């Protein structure tokens, strides 16, 4: 079982994993304070800081996002994103590297599933 992570670490975990996924890229279309991770130009994750707190925002299944927000204090509706399809996560006692890794992988897979078959990474 992995231990809880800090704010800076949560963003580093996302960046390390997201950039290793097939055809994933990191851009900064909103300025240097936002790292936006895309697959085939579709966003699946983003990191930034809000009110001095480092957060990550991830694509999420709507039903799962409701459940996660009810269970975890630091999981909230997606910052500046569609509140139904996105969640934001800040570090917290219950937030572990394994949990963040699972959510990033799921976000990536959700976006890839919406791509035309010819555009999906192999």
C-alpha atoms as a PDB file:
ATOM      1  CA  UNK A   1       0.000   0.000   0.000  1.00  0.00           C
ATOM      2  CA  UNK A   2       1.452   3.372  -0.934  1.00  0.00           C
ATOM      3  CA  UNK A   3       1.640   6.274   1.493  1.00  0.00           C
ATOM      4  CA  UNK A   4      -0.129   9.613   1.143  1.00  0.00           C
ATOM      5  CA  UNK A   5       1.544  12.186  -1.086  1.00  0.00           C
ATOM      6  CA  UNK A   6       2.217  15.921  -0.932  1.00  0.00           C
ATOM      7  CA  UNK A   7       0.981  18.630  -3.293  1.00  0.00           C
ATOM      8  CA  UNK A   8       4.145  18.902  -5.375  1.00  0.00           C
ATOM      9  CA  UNK A   9       4.432  15.145  -5.538  1.00  0.00           C
ATOM     10  CA  UNK A  10       0.888  14.724  -6.852  1.00  0.00           C
ATOM     11  CA  UNK A  11       1.752  16.901  -9.841  1.00  0.00           C
ATOM     12  CA  UNK A  12       5.056  15.110 -10.420  1.00  0.00           C
ATOM     13  CA  UNK A  13       3.337  11.716 -10.339  1.00  0.00           C
ATOM     14  CA  UNK A  14       0.845  12.907 -12.957  1.00  0.00           C
ATOM     15  CA  UNK A  15       3.548  14.422 -15.165  1.00  0.00           C
ATOM     16  CA  UNK A  16       5.797  11.353 -14.977  1.00  0.00           C
ATOM     17  CA  UNK A  17       3.012   8.946 -15.855  1.00  0.00           C
ATOM     18  CA  UNK A  18       1.123  11.090 -18.374  1.00  0.00           C
ATOM     19  CA  UNK A  19       4.177  11.779 -20.515  1.00  0.00           C
ATOM     20  CA  UNK A  20       4.982   8.055 -20.721  1.00  0.00           C
ATOM     21  CA  UNK A  21       1.558   7.085 -22.080  1.00  0.00           C
ATOM     22  CA  UNK A  22       1.374   6.347 -25.842  1.00  0.00           C
ATOM     23  CA  UNK A  23       1.030   9.497 -27.994  1.00  0.00           C
ATOM     24  CA  UNK A  24       0.621  11.723 -24.919  1.00  0.00           C
ATOM     25  CA  UNK A  25       2.054  15.240 -24.946  1.00  0.00           C
ATOM     26  CA  UNK A  26       2.393  18.065 -22.449  1.00  0.00           C
ATOM     27  CA  UNK A  27       1.507  21.583 -23.551  1.00  0.00           C
ATOM     28  CA  UNK A  28       1.018  24.924 -21.822  1.00  0.00           C
ATOM     29  CA  UNK A  29      -1.787  26.594 -23.804  1.00  0.00           C
ATOM     30  CA  UNK A  30      -2.949  28.602 -20.769  1.00  0.00           C
ATOM     31  CA  UNK A  31       0.515  29.767 -19.722  1.00  0.00           C
ATOM     32  CA  UNK A  32       3.417  28.303 -17.765  1.00  0.00           C
ATOM     33  CA  UNK A  33       1.339  27.755 -14.633  1.00  0.00           C
ATOM     34  CA  UNK A  34      -0.734  25.047 -16.367  1.00  0.00           C
ATOM     35  CA  UNK A  35       0.639  21.763 -17.685  1.00  0.00           C
ATOM     36  CA  UNK A  36      -1.985  20.240 -19.970  1.00  0.00           C
ATOM     37  CA  UNK A  37      -1.626  16.590 -20.946  1.00  0.00           C
ATOM     38  CA  UNK A  38      -3.242  15.482 -24.187  1.00  0.00           C
ATOM     39  CA  UNK A  39      -3.553  12.410 -26.345  1.00  0.00           C
ATOM     40  CA  UNK A  40      -4.169  13.218 -30.021  1.00  0.00           C
ATOM     41  CA  UNK A  41      -4.982  16.838 -29.018  1.00  0.00           C
ATOM     42  CA  UNK A  42      -7.647  15.788 -26.485  1.00  0.00           C
ATOM     43  CA  UNK A  43      -7.046  16.736 -22.853  1.00  0.00           C
ATOM     44  CA  UNK A  44      -7.048  14.012 -20.212  1.00  0.00           C
ATOM     45  CA  UNK A  45      -5.139  15.714 -17.362  1.00  0.00           C
ATOM     46  CA  UNK A  46      -3.980  19.131 -16.199  1.00  0.00           C
ATOM     47  CA  UNK A  47      -1.882  20.431 -13.300  1.00  0.00           C
ATOM     48  CA  UNK A  48      -1.980  23.896 -11.771  1.00  0.00           C
ATOM     49  CA  UNK A  49      -2.127  25.768  -8.475  1.00  0.00           C
ATOM     50  CA  UNK A  50      -5.310  27.268  -7.011  1.00  0.00           C
ATOM     51  CA  UNK A  51      -5.228  29.518  -3.947  1.00  0.00           C
ATOM     52  CA  UNK A  52      -1.716  28.299  -3.145  1.00  0.00           C
ATOM     53  CA  UNK A  53      -2.688  24.622  -3.354  1.00  0.00           C
ATOM     54  CA  UNK A  54      -1.257  22.347  -6.061  1.00  0.00           C
ATOM     55  CA  UNK A  55      -3.977  20.369  -7.831  1.00  0.00           C
ATOM     56  CA  UNK A  56      -4.437  17.966 -10.706  1.00  0.00           C
ATOM     57  CA  UNK A  57      -7.561  17.872 -12.833  1.00  0.00           C
ATOM     58  CA  UNK A  58      -8.504  14.624 -14.556  1.00  0.00           C
ATOM     59  CA  UNK A  59     -11.154  13.329 -16.927  1.00  0.00           C
ATOM     60  CA  UNK A  60     -13.416  10.963 -14.981  1.00  0.00           C
ATOM     61  CA  UNK A  61     -16.495   8.826 -15.517  1.00  0.00           C
ATOM     62  CA  UNK A  62     -19.449  10.902 -14.201  1.00  0.00           C
ATOM     63  CA  UNK A  63     -20.746   8.243 -11.800  1.00  0.00           C
ATOM     64  CA  UNK A  64     -17.282   7.533 -10.455  1.00  0.00           C
ATOM     65  CA  UNK A  65     -16.579  11.248 -10.006  1.00  0.00           C
ATOM     66  CA  UNK A  66     -19.625  11.575  -7.732  1.00  0.00           C
ATOM     67  CA  UNK A  67     -18.498   8.592  -5.676  1.00  0.00           C
ATOM     68  CA  UNK A  68     -14.919   9.869  -5.386  1.00  0.00           C
ATOM     69  CA  UNK A  69     -16.068  13.325  -4.260  1.00  0.00           C
ATOM     70  CA  UNK A  70     -18.189  11.706  -1.545  1.00  0.00           C
ATOM     71  CA  UNK A  71     -15.342   9.491  -0.292  1.00  0.00           C
ATOM     72  CA  UNK A  72     -12.312  11.814  -0.489  1.00  0.00           C
ATOM     73  CA  UNK A  73     -12.166  15.272   1.082  1.00  0.00           C
ATOM     74  CA  UNK A  74      -9.626  16.549  -1.445  1.00  0.00           C
ATOM     75  CA  UNK A  75     -11.448  15.346  -4.581  1.00  0.00           C
ATOM     76  CA  UNK A  76     -13.665  18.135  -5.922  1.00  0.00           C
ATOM     77  CA  UNK A  77     -15.497  18.972  -9.159  1.00  0.00           C
ATOM     78  CA  UNK A  78     -13.029  19.800 -11.953  1.00  0.00           C
ATOM     79  CA  UNK A  79     -11.481  23.242 -11.629  1.00  0.00           C
ATOM     80  CA  UNK A  80     -12.536  25.339 -14.649  1.00  0.00           C
ATOM     81  CA  UNK A  81     -13.841  22.203 -16.375  1.00  0.00           C
ATOM     82  CA  UNK A  82     -17.174  20.442 -16.892  1.00  0.00           C
ATOM     83  CA  UNK A  83     -18.111  19.467 -13.333  1.00  0.00           C
ATOM     84  CA  UNK A  84     -19.754  16.223 -14.458  1.00  0.00           C
ATOM     85  CA  UNK A  85     -16.832  14.788 -16.436  1.00  0.00           C
ATOM     86  CA  UNK A  86     -13.811  16.165 -14.554  1.00  0.00           C
ATOM     87  CA  UNK A  87     -12.432  16.017 -11.020  1.00  0.00           C
ATOM     88  CA  UNK A  88      -9.691  17.986  -9.308  1.00  0.00           C
ATOM     89  CA  UNK A  89      -7.511  16.397  -6.662  1.00  0.00           C
ATOM     90  CA  UNK A  90      -5.295  17.976  -4.043  1.00  0.00           C
ATOM     91  CA  UNK A  91      -2.936  16.081  -1.774  1.00  0.00           C
ATOM     92  CA  UNK A  92      -4.511  14.626   1.323  1.00  0.00           C
ATOM     93  CA  UNK A  93      -4.188  11.862   3.889  1.00  0.00           C
ATOM     94  CA  UNK A  94      -6.132   9.401   1.710  1.00  0.00           C
ATOM     95  CA  UNK A  95      -4.512  10.347  -1.605  1.00  0.00           C
ATOM     96  CA  UNK A  96      -1.787   7.844  -2.541  1.00  0.00           C
ATOM     97  CA  UNK A  97       0.502   7.388  -5.517  1.00  0.00           C
ATOM     98  CA  UNK A  98      -1.357   4.201  -6.490  1.00  0.00           C
ATOM     99  CA  UNK A  99      -4.679   6.049  -6.397  1.00  0.00           C
ATOM    100  CA  UNK A 100      -3.390   8.937  -8.538  1.00  0.00           C
ATOM    101  CA  UNK A 101      -1.763   6.521 -10.982  1.00  0.00           C
ATOM    102  CA  UNK A 102      -5.059   4.659 -11.366  1.00  0.00           C
ATOM    103  CA  UNK A 103      -6.994   7.884 -11.977  1.00  0.00           C
ATOM    104  CA  UNK A 104      -4.515   9.192 -14.581  1.00  0.00           C
ATOM    105  CA  UNK A 105      -4.581   5.875 -16.420  1.00  0.00           C
ATOM    106  CA  UNK A 106      -8.381   5.837 -16.350  1.00  0.00           C
ATOM    107  CA  UNK A 107      -8.537   9.449 -17.612  1.00  0.00           C
ATOM    108  CA  UNK A 108      -6.255   8.578 -20.506  1.00  0.00           C
ATOM    109  CA  UNK A 109      -8.306   5.495 -21.397  1.00  0.00           C
ATOM    110  CA  UNK A 110     -11.564   7.486 -21.296  1.00  0.00           C
ATOM    111  CA  UNK A 111     -10.214   9.959 -23.833  1.00  0.00           C
ATOM    112  CA  UNK A 112      -8.639   7.294 -26.054  1.00  0.00           C
ATOM    113  CA  UNK A 113     -11.987   5.460 -26.170  1.00  0.00           C
ATOM    114  CA  UNK A 114     -13.590   8.559 -27.737  1.00  0.00           C
ATOM    115  CA  UNK A 115     -11.029   8.746 -30.553  1.00  0.00           C
ATOM    116  CA  UNK A 116     -11.768   7.262 -33.964  1.00  0.00           C
ATOM    117  CA  UNK A 117     -10.178   3.815 -34.163  1.00  0.00           C
ATOM    118  CA  UNK A 118      -7.632   4.982 -36.750  1.00  0.00           C
ATOM    119  CA  UNK A 119      -6.367   7.670 -34.319  1.00  0.00           C
ATOM    120  CA  UNK A 120      -6.065   5.495 -31.217  1.00  0.00           C
ATOM    121  CA  UNK A 121      -2.543   4.834 -29.972  1.00  0.00           C
ATOM    122  CA  UNK A 122      -1.322   1.297 -30.475  1.00  0.00           C
END
